[in-house]
Amino acid sequence: RAITNASTTRISVATFCGPSEDAFIAPAAPLVDEHHPALYRGYEFGEFKRVIWSKELKGKKALDHFKI
């Protein structure tokens, strides 16, 4: 149960939500073939977080770091 205030907007924030640092993220093998190649290399979630929090993005998207 939640007690809400009818005169203000309710905001919910998910925290500590995500896979473990060593979870391997990659395209699903059945979806990748010679006609549908992977666009990104596989990586551990911890590496993804390090890229996001690094100062090296310089305006680029984090996923650009993992493009093949």
PDB file of N, CA and C in Angstrom:
ATOM      1  N   ARG A   1       0.834  -1.181   0.000  1.00  0.00           N
ATOM      2  CA  ARG A   1       0.000   0.000   0.000  1.00  0.00           C
ATOM      3  C   ARG A   1       0.874   1.237   0.000  1.00  0.00           C
ATOM      4  N   ALA A   2       0.304   2.260  -0.599  1.00  0.00           N
ATOM      5  CA  ALA A   2       0.996   3.547  -0.631  1.00  0.00           C
ATOM      6  C   ALA A   2       0.005   4.652  -0.311  1.00  0.00           C
ATOM      7  N   ILE A   3       0.489   5.628   0.413  1.00  0.00           N
ATOM      8  CA  ILE A   3      -0.320   6.810   0.667  1.00  0.00           C
ATOM      9  C   ILE A   3       0.142   7.864  -0.323  1.00  0.00           C
ATOM     10  N   THR A   4      -0.763   8.332  -1.142  1.00  0.00           N
ATOM     11  CA  THR A   4      -0.393   9.314  -2.161  1.00  0.00           C
ATOM     12  C   THR A   4      -1.020  10.660  -1.852  1.00  0.00           C
ATOM     13  N   ASN A   5      -0.463  11.678  -2.465  1.00  0.00           N
ATOM     14  CA  ASN A   5      -0.955  13.033  -2.301  1.00  0.00           C
ATOM     15  C   ASN A   5      -1.645  13.432  -3.601  1.00  0.00           C
ATOM     16  N   ALA A   6      -2.914  13.709  -3.550  1.00  0.00           N
ATOM     17  CA  ALA A   6      -3.686  14.019  -4.756  1.00  0.00           C
ATOM     18  C   ALA A   6      -3.283  15.332  -5.408  1.00  0.00           C
ATOM     19  N   SER A   7      -2.580  16.202  -4.691  1.00  0.00           N
ATOM     20  CA  SER A   7      -2.243  17.511  -5.257  1.00  0.00           C
ATOM     21  C   SER A   7      -0.847  17.581  -5.874  1.00  0.00           C
ATOM     22  N   THR A   8      -0.056  16.535  -5.753  1.00  0.00           N
ATOM     23  CA  THR A   8       1.283  16.533  -6.357  1.00  0.00           C
ATOM     24  C   THR A   8       1.502  15.249  -7.145  1.00  0.00           C
ATOM     25  N   THR A   9       2.468  15.306  -8.046  1.00  0.00           N
ATOM     26  CA  THR A   9       2.806  14.156  -8.869  1.00  0.00           C
ATOM     27  C   THR A   9       3.639  13.169  -8.064  1.00  0.00           C
ATOM     28  N   ARG A  10       3.338  11.904  -8.202  1.00  0.00           N
ATOM     29  CA  ARG A  10       4.118  10.863  -7.535  1.00  0.00           C
ATOM     30  C   ARG A  10       5.262  10.457  -8.447  1.00  0.00           C
ATOM     31  N   ILE A  11       6.445  10.329  -7.904  1.00  0.00           N
ATOM     32  CA  ILE A  11       7.626   9.919  -8.657  1.00  0.00           C
ATOM     33  C   ILE A  11       8.178   8.640  -8.037  1.00  0.00           C
ATOM     34  N   SER A  12       8.427   7.636  -8.872  1.00  0.00           N
ATOM     35  CA  SER A  12       9.048   6.396  -8.419  1.00  0.00           C
ATOM     36  C   SER A  12      10.394   6.252  -9.106  1.00  0.00           C
ATOM     37  N   VAL A  13      11.394   5.822  -8.359  1.00  0.00           N
ATOM     38  CA  VAL A  13      12.736   5.670  -8.905  1.00  0.00           C
ATOM     39  C   VAL A  13      13.234   4.261  -8.596  1.00  0.00           C
ATOM     40  N   ALA A  14      13.633   3.532  -9.638  1.00  0.00           N
ATOM     41  CA  ALA A  14      14.216   2.202  -9.445  1.00  0.00           C
ATOM     42  C   ALA A  14      15.708   2.373  -9.170  1.00  0.00           C
ATOM     43  N   THR A  15      16.179   1.801  -8.097  1.00  0.00           N
ATOM     44  CA  THR A  15      17.602   1.876  -7.773  1.00  0.00           C
ATOM     45  C   THR A  15      18.154   0.469  -7.600  1.00  0.00           C
ATOM     46  N   PHE A  16      19.435   0.342  -7.791  1.00  0.00           N
ATOM     47  CA  PHE A  16      20.114  -0.942  -7.669  1.00  0.00           C
ATOM     48  C   PHE A  16      19.458  -1.989  -8.567  1.00  0.00           C
ATOM     49  N   CYS A  17      19.117  -1.559  -9.757  1.00  0.00           N
ATOM     50  CA  CYS A  17      18.424  -2.419 -10.701  1.00  0.00           C
ATOM     51  C   CYS A  17      19.343  -2.691 -11.886  1.00  0.00           C
ATOM     52  N   GLY A  18      19.647  -3.930 -12.154  1.00  0.00           N
ATOM     53  CA  GLY A  18      20.496  -4.260 -13.289  1.00  0.00           C
ATOM     54  C   GLY A  18      21.180  -5.590 -13.062  1.00  0.00           C
ATOM     55  N   PRO A  19      21.835  -6.093 -14.092  1.00  0.00           N
ATOM     56  CA  PRO A  19      22.534  -7.376 -13.961  1.00  0.00           C
ATOM     57  C   PRO A  19      23.798  -7.236 -13.122  1.00  0.00           C
ATOM     58  N   SER A  20      24.401  -8.351 -12.769  1.00  0.00           N
ATOM     59  CA  SER A  20      25.649  -8.333 -12.008  1.00  0.00           C
ATOM     60  C   SER A  20      26.787  -7.839 -12.900  1.00  0.00           C
ATOM     61  N   GLU A  21      27.863  -7.398 -12.276  1.00  0.00           N
ATOM     62  CA  GLU A  21      29.021  -6.849 -12.995  1.00  0.00           C
ATOM     63  C   GLU A  21      29.577  -7.824 -14.029  1.00  0.00           C
ATOM     64  N   ASP A  22      29.536  -9.128 -13.726  1.00  0.00           N
ATOM     65  CA  ASP A  22      30.138 -10.106 -14.633  1.00  0.00           C
ATOM     66  C   ASP A  22      29.131 -10.729 -15.609  1.00  0.00           C
ATOM     67  N   ALA A  23      27.904 -10.193 -15.655  1.00  0.00           N
ATOM     68  CA  ALA A  23      26.915 -10.688 -16.621  1.00  0.00           C
ATOM     69  C   ALA A  23      27.387 -10.341 -18.030  1.00  0.00           C
ATOM     70  N   PHE A  24      27.401 -11.343 -18.911  1.00  0.00           N
ATOM     71  CA  PHE A  24      27.870 -11.132 -20.279  1.00  0.00           C
ATOM     72  C   PHE A  24      26.686 -10.744 -21.155  1.00  0.00           C
ATOM     73  N   ILE A  25      26.799  -9.608 -21.820  1.00  0.00           N
ATOM     74  CA  ILE A  25      25.746  -9.082 -22.679  1.00  0.00           C
ATOM     75  C   ILE A  25      26.194  -9.255 -24.130  1.00  0.00           C
ATOM     76  N   ALA A  26      25.391  -9.906 -24.942  1.00  0.00           N
ATOM     77  CA  ALA A  26      25.737 -10.137 -26.352  1.00  0.00           C
ATOM     78  C   ALA A  26      24.455 -10.415 -27.127  1.00  0.00           C
ATOM     79  N   PRO A  27      24.509 -10.259 -28.443  1.00  0.00           N
ATOM     80  CA  PRO A  27      23.332 -10.607 -29.246  1.00  0.00           C
ATOM     81  C   PRO A  27      22.998 -12.096 -29.085  1.00  0.00           C
ATOM     82  N   ALA A  28      21.729 -12.416 -29.119  1.00  0.00           N
ATOM     83  CA  ALA A  28      21.305 -13.813 -29.030  1.00  0.00           C
ATOM     84  C   ALA A  28      21.802 -14.566 -30.266  1.00  0.00           C
ATOM     85  N   ALA A  29      22.527 -15.649 -30.056  1.00  0.00           N
ATOM     86  CA  ALA A  29      23.149 -16.408 -31.151  1.00  0.00           C
ATOM     87  C   ALA A  29      22.176 -16.783 -32.276  1.00  0.00           C
ATOM     88  N   PRO A  30      20.940 -17.211 -31.983  1.00  0.00           N
ATOM     89  CA  PRO A  30      20.034 -17.570 -33.084  1.00  0.00           C
ATOM     90  C   PRO A  30      19.649 -16.382 -33.980  1.00  0.00           C
ATOM     91  N   LEU A  31      19.884 -15.174 -33.516  1.00  0.00           N
ATOM     92  CA  LEU A  31      19.511 -13.988 -34.297  1.00  0.00           C
ATOM     93  C   LEU A  31      20.639 -13.468 -35.175  1.00  0.00           C
ATOM     94  N   VAL A  32      21.833 -14.036 -35.016  1.00  0.00           N
ATOM     95  CA  VAL A  32      23.005 -13.562 -35.759  1.00  0.00           C
ATOM     96  C   VAL A  32      23.395 -14.595 -36.812  1.00  0.00           C
ATOM     97  N   ASP A  33      23.529 -14.145 -38.058  1.00  0.00           N
ATOM     98  CA  ASP A  33      24.018 -15.012 -39.131  1.00  0.00           C
ATOM     99  C   ASP A  33      24.672 -14.132 -40.190  1.00  0.00           C
ATOM    100  N   GLU A  34      25.037 -14.714 -41.325  1.00  0.00           N
ATOM    101  CA  GLU A  34      25.747 -13.941 -42.353  1.00  0.00           C
ATOM    102  C   GLU A  34      24.886 -12.832 -42.950  1.00  0.00           C
ATOM    103  N   HIS A  35      23.574 -13.006 -42.900  1.00  0.00           N
ATOM    104  CA  HIS A  35      22.671 -11.979 -43.430  1.00  0.00           C
ATOM    105  C   HIS A  35      22.265 -10.947 -42.375  1.00  0.00           C
ATOM    106  N   HIS A  36      22.452 -11.306 -41.113  1.00  0.00           N
ATOM    107  CA  HIS A  36      22.099 -10.438 -39.988  1.00  0.00           C
ATOM    108  C   HIS A  36      23.265 -10.444 -38.994  1.00  0.00           C
ATOM    109  N   PRO A  37      24.373  -9.793 -39.337  1.00  0.00           N
ATOM    110  CA  PRO A  37      25.543  -9.819 -38.454  1.00  0.00           C
ATOM    111  C   PRO A  37      25.310  -9.002 -37.179  1.00  0.00           C
ATOM    112  N   ALA A  38      26.065  -9.340 -36.158  1.00  0.00           N
ATOM    113  CA  ALA A  38      26.010  -8.569 -34.914  1.00  0.00           C
ATOM    114  C   ALA A  38      26.532  -7.162 -35.182  1.00  0.00           C
ATOM    115  N   LEU A  39      25.902  -6.182 -34.589  1.00  0.00           N
ATOM    116  CA  LEU A  39      26.340  -4.796 -34.740  1.00  0.00           C
ATOM    117  C   LEU A  39      27.254  -4.365 -33.602  1.00  0.00           C
ATOM    118  N   TYR A  40      27.168  -5.103 -32.475  1.00  0.00           N
ATOM    119  CA  TYR A  40      27.959  -4.781 -31.292  1.00  0.00           C
ATOM    120  C   TYR A  40      28.649  -6.035 -30.795  1.00  0.00           C
ATOM    121  N   ARG A  41      29.824  -5.868 -30.225  1.00  0.00           N
ATOM    122  CA  ARG A  41      30.530  -7.008 -29.639  1.00  0.00           C
ATOM    123  C   ARG A  41      29.950  -7.292 -28.257  1.00  0.00           C
ATOM    124  N   GLY A  42      30.164  -8.497 -27.785  1.00  0.00           N
ATOM    125  CA  GLY A  42      29.731  -8.844 -26.445  1.00  0.00           C
ATOM    126  C   GLY A  42      30.613  -8.157 -25.412  1.00  0.00           C
ATOM    127  N   TYR A  43      30.062  -7.928 -24.227  1.00  0.00           N
ATOM    128  CA  TYR A  43      30.814  -7.272 -23.157  1.00  0.00           C
ATOM    129  C   TYR A  43      30.192  -7.637 -21.815  1.00  0.00           C
ATOM    130  N   GLU A  44      30.983  -7.487 -20.762  1.00  0.00           N
ATOM    131  CA  GLU A  44      30.452  -7.680 -19.420  1.00  0.00           C
ATOM    132  C   GLU A  44      29.784  -6.384 -18.974  1.00  0.00           C
ATOM    133  N   PHE A  45      28.733  -6.486 -18.191  1.00  0.00           N
ATOM    134  CA  PHE A  45      27.990  -5.315 -17.756  1.00  0.00           C
ATOM    135  C   PHE A  45      28.879  -4.342 -16.987  1.00  0.00           C
ATOM    136  N   GLY A  46      29.846  -4.866 -16.245  1.00  0.00           N
ATOM    137  CA  GLY A  46      30.775  -3.998 -15.518  1.00  0.00           C
ATOM    138  C   GLY A  46      31.563  -3.104 -16.466  1.00  0.00           C
ATOM    139  N   GLU A  47      31.962  -3.645 -17.619  1.00  0.00           N
ATOM    140  CA  GLU A  47      32.677  -2.840 -18.613  1.00  0.00           C
ATOM    141  C   GLU A  47      31.762  -1.740 -19.144  1.00  0.00           C
ATOM    142  N   PHE A  48      30.509  -2.067 -19.388  1.00  0.00           N
ATOM    143  CA  PHE A  48      29.544  -1.074 -19.863  1.00  0.00           C
ATOM    144  C   PHE A  48      29.417   0.069 -18.855  1.00  0.00           C
ATOM    145  N   LYS A  49      29.312  -0.276 -17.570  1.00  0.00           N
ATOM    146  CA  LYS A  49      29.205   0.756 -16.540  1.00  0.00           C
ATOM    147  C   LYS A  49      30.457   1.628 -16.492  1.00  0.00           C
ATOM    148  N   ARG A  50      31.626   1.016 -16.634  1.00  0.00           N
ATOM    149  CA  ARG A  50      32.869   1.803 -16.620  1.00  0.00           C
ATOM    150  C   ARG A  50      32.903   2.780 -17.789  1.00  0.00           C
ATOM    151  N   VAL A  51      32.440   2.340 -18.953  1.00  0.00           N
ATOM    152  CA  VAL A  51      32.401   3.227 -20.127  1.00  0.00           C
ATOM    153  C   VAL A  51      31.447   4.390 -19.871  1.00  0.00           C
ATOM    154  N   ILE A  52      30.277   4.097 -19.321  1.00  0.00           N
ATOM    155  CA  ILE A  52      29.292   5.149 -19.058  1.00  0.00           C
ATOM    156  C   ILE A  52      29.853   6.200 -18.100  1.00  0.00           C
ATOM    157  N   TRP A  53      30.530   5.760 -17.065  1.00  0.00           N
ATOM    158  CA  TRP A  53      31.006   6.689 -16.039  1.00  0.00           C
ATOM    159  C   TRP A  53      32.363   7.291 -16.359  1.00  0.00           C
ATOM    160  N   SER A  54      33.000   6.847 -17.417  1.00  0.00           N
ATOM    161  CA  SER A  54      34.308   7.408 -17.779  1.00  0.00           C
ATOM    162  C   SER A  54      34.133   8.777 -18.406  1.00  0.00           C
ATOM    163  N   LYS A  55      35.198   9.515 -18.458  1.00  0.00           N
ATOM    164  CA  LYS A  55      35.179  10.849 -19.070  1.00  0.00           C
ATOM    165  C   LYS A  55      35.512  10.763 -20.558  1.00  0.00           C
ATOM    166  N   GLU A  56      35.644   9.551 -21.095  1.00  0.00           N
ATOM    167  CA  GLU A  56      36.116   9.355 -22.460  1.00  0.00           C
ATOM    168  C   GLU A  56      35.016   9.398 -23.520  1.00  0.00           C
ATOM    169  N   LEU A  57      33.770   9.506 -23.146  1.00  0.00           N
ATOM    170  CA  LEU A  57      32.693   9.477 -24.137  1.00  0.00           C
ATOM    171  C   LEU A  57      32.704  10.715 -25.028  1.00  0.00           C
ATOM    172  N   LYS A  58      32.969  11.858 -24.474  1.00  0.00           N
ATOM    173  CA  LYS A  58      33.082  13.118 -25.230  1.00  0.00           C
ATOM    174  C   LYS A  58      31.940  13.301 -26.224  1.00  0.00           C
ATOM    175  N   GLY A  59      30.715  13.200 -25.739  1.00  0.00           N
ATOM    176  CA  GLY A  59      29.552  13.421 -26.586  1.00  0.00           C
ATOM    177  C   GLY A  59      29.065  12.206 -27.351  1.00  0.00           C
ATOM    178  N   LYS A  60      29.811  11.108 -27.333  1.00  0.00           N
ATOM    179  CA  LYS A  60      29.378   9.894 -28.025  1.00  0.00           C
ATOM    180  C   LYS A  60      28.431   9.102 -27.131  1.00  0.00           C
ATOM    181  N   LYS A  61      27.693   8.206 -27.744  1.00  0.00           N
ATOM    182  CA  LYS A  61      26.842   7.295 -26.987  1.00  0.00           C
ATOM    183  C   LYS A  61      27.703   6.160 -26.452  1.00  0.00           C
ATOM    184  N   ALA A  62      27.334   5.633 -25.293  1.00  0.00           N
ATOM    185  CA  ALA A  62      28.107   4.546 -24.691  1.00  0.00           C
ATOM    186  C   ALA A  62      28.176   3.332 -25.615  1.00  0.00           C
ATOM    187  N   LEU A  63      27.091   3.009 -26.316  1.00  0.00           N
ATOM    188  CA  LEU A  63      27.087   1.831 -27.189  1.00  0.00           C
ATOM    189  C   LEU A  63      28.044   1.976 -28.366  1.00  0.00           C
ATOM    190  N   ASP A  64      28.384   3.211 -28.747  1.00  0.00           N
ATOM    191  CA  ASP A  64      29.354   3.405 -29.830  1.00  0.00           C
ATOM    192  C   ASP A  64      30.685   2.733 -29.495  1.00  0.00           C
ATOM    193  N   HIS A  65      31.001   2.645 -28.213  1.00  0.00           N
ATOM    194  CA  HIS A  65      32.239   2.016 -27.752  1.00  0.00           C
ATOM    195  C   HIS A  65      32.274   0.521 -28.091  1.00  0.00           C
ATOM    196  N   PHE A  66      31.114  -0.098 -28.249  1.00  0.00           N
ATOM    197  CA  PHE A  66      31.026  -1.541 -28.453  1.00  0.00           C
ATOM    198  C   PHE A  66      30.689  -1.940 -29.889  1.00  0.00           C
ATOM    199  N   LYS A  67      30.588  -0.975 -30.793  1.00  0.00           N
ATOM    200  CA  LYS A  67      30.277  -1.297 -32.189  1.00  0.00           C
ATOM    201  C   LYS A  67      31.381  -2.124 -32.815  1.00  0.00           C
ATOM    202  N   ILE A  68      30.992  -3.048 -33.673  1.00  0.00           N
ATOM    203  CA  ILE A  68      31.958  -3.887 -34.381  1.00  0.00           C
ATOM    204  C   ILE A  68      32.404  -3.152 -35.622  1.00  0.00           C
TER     205      ILE A  68
END
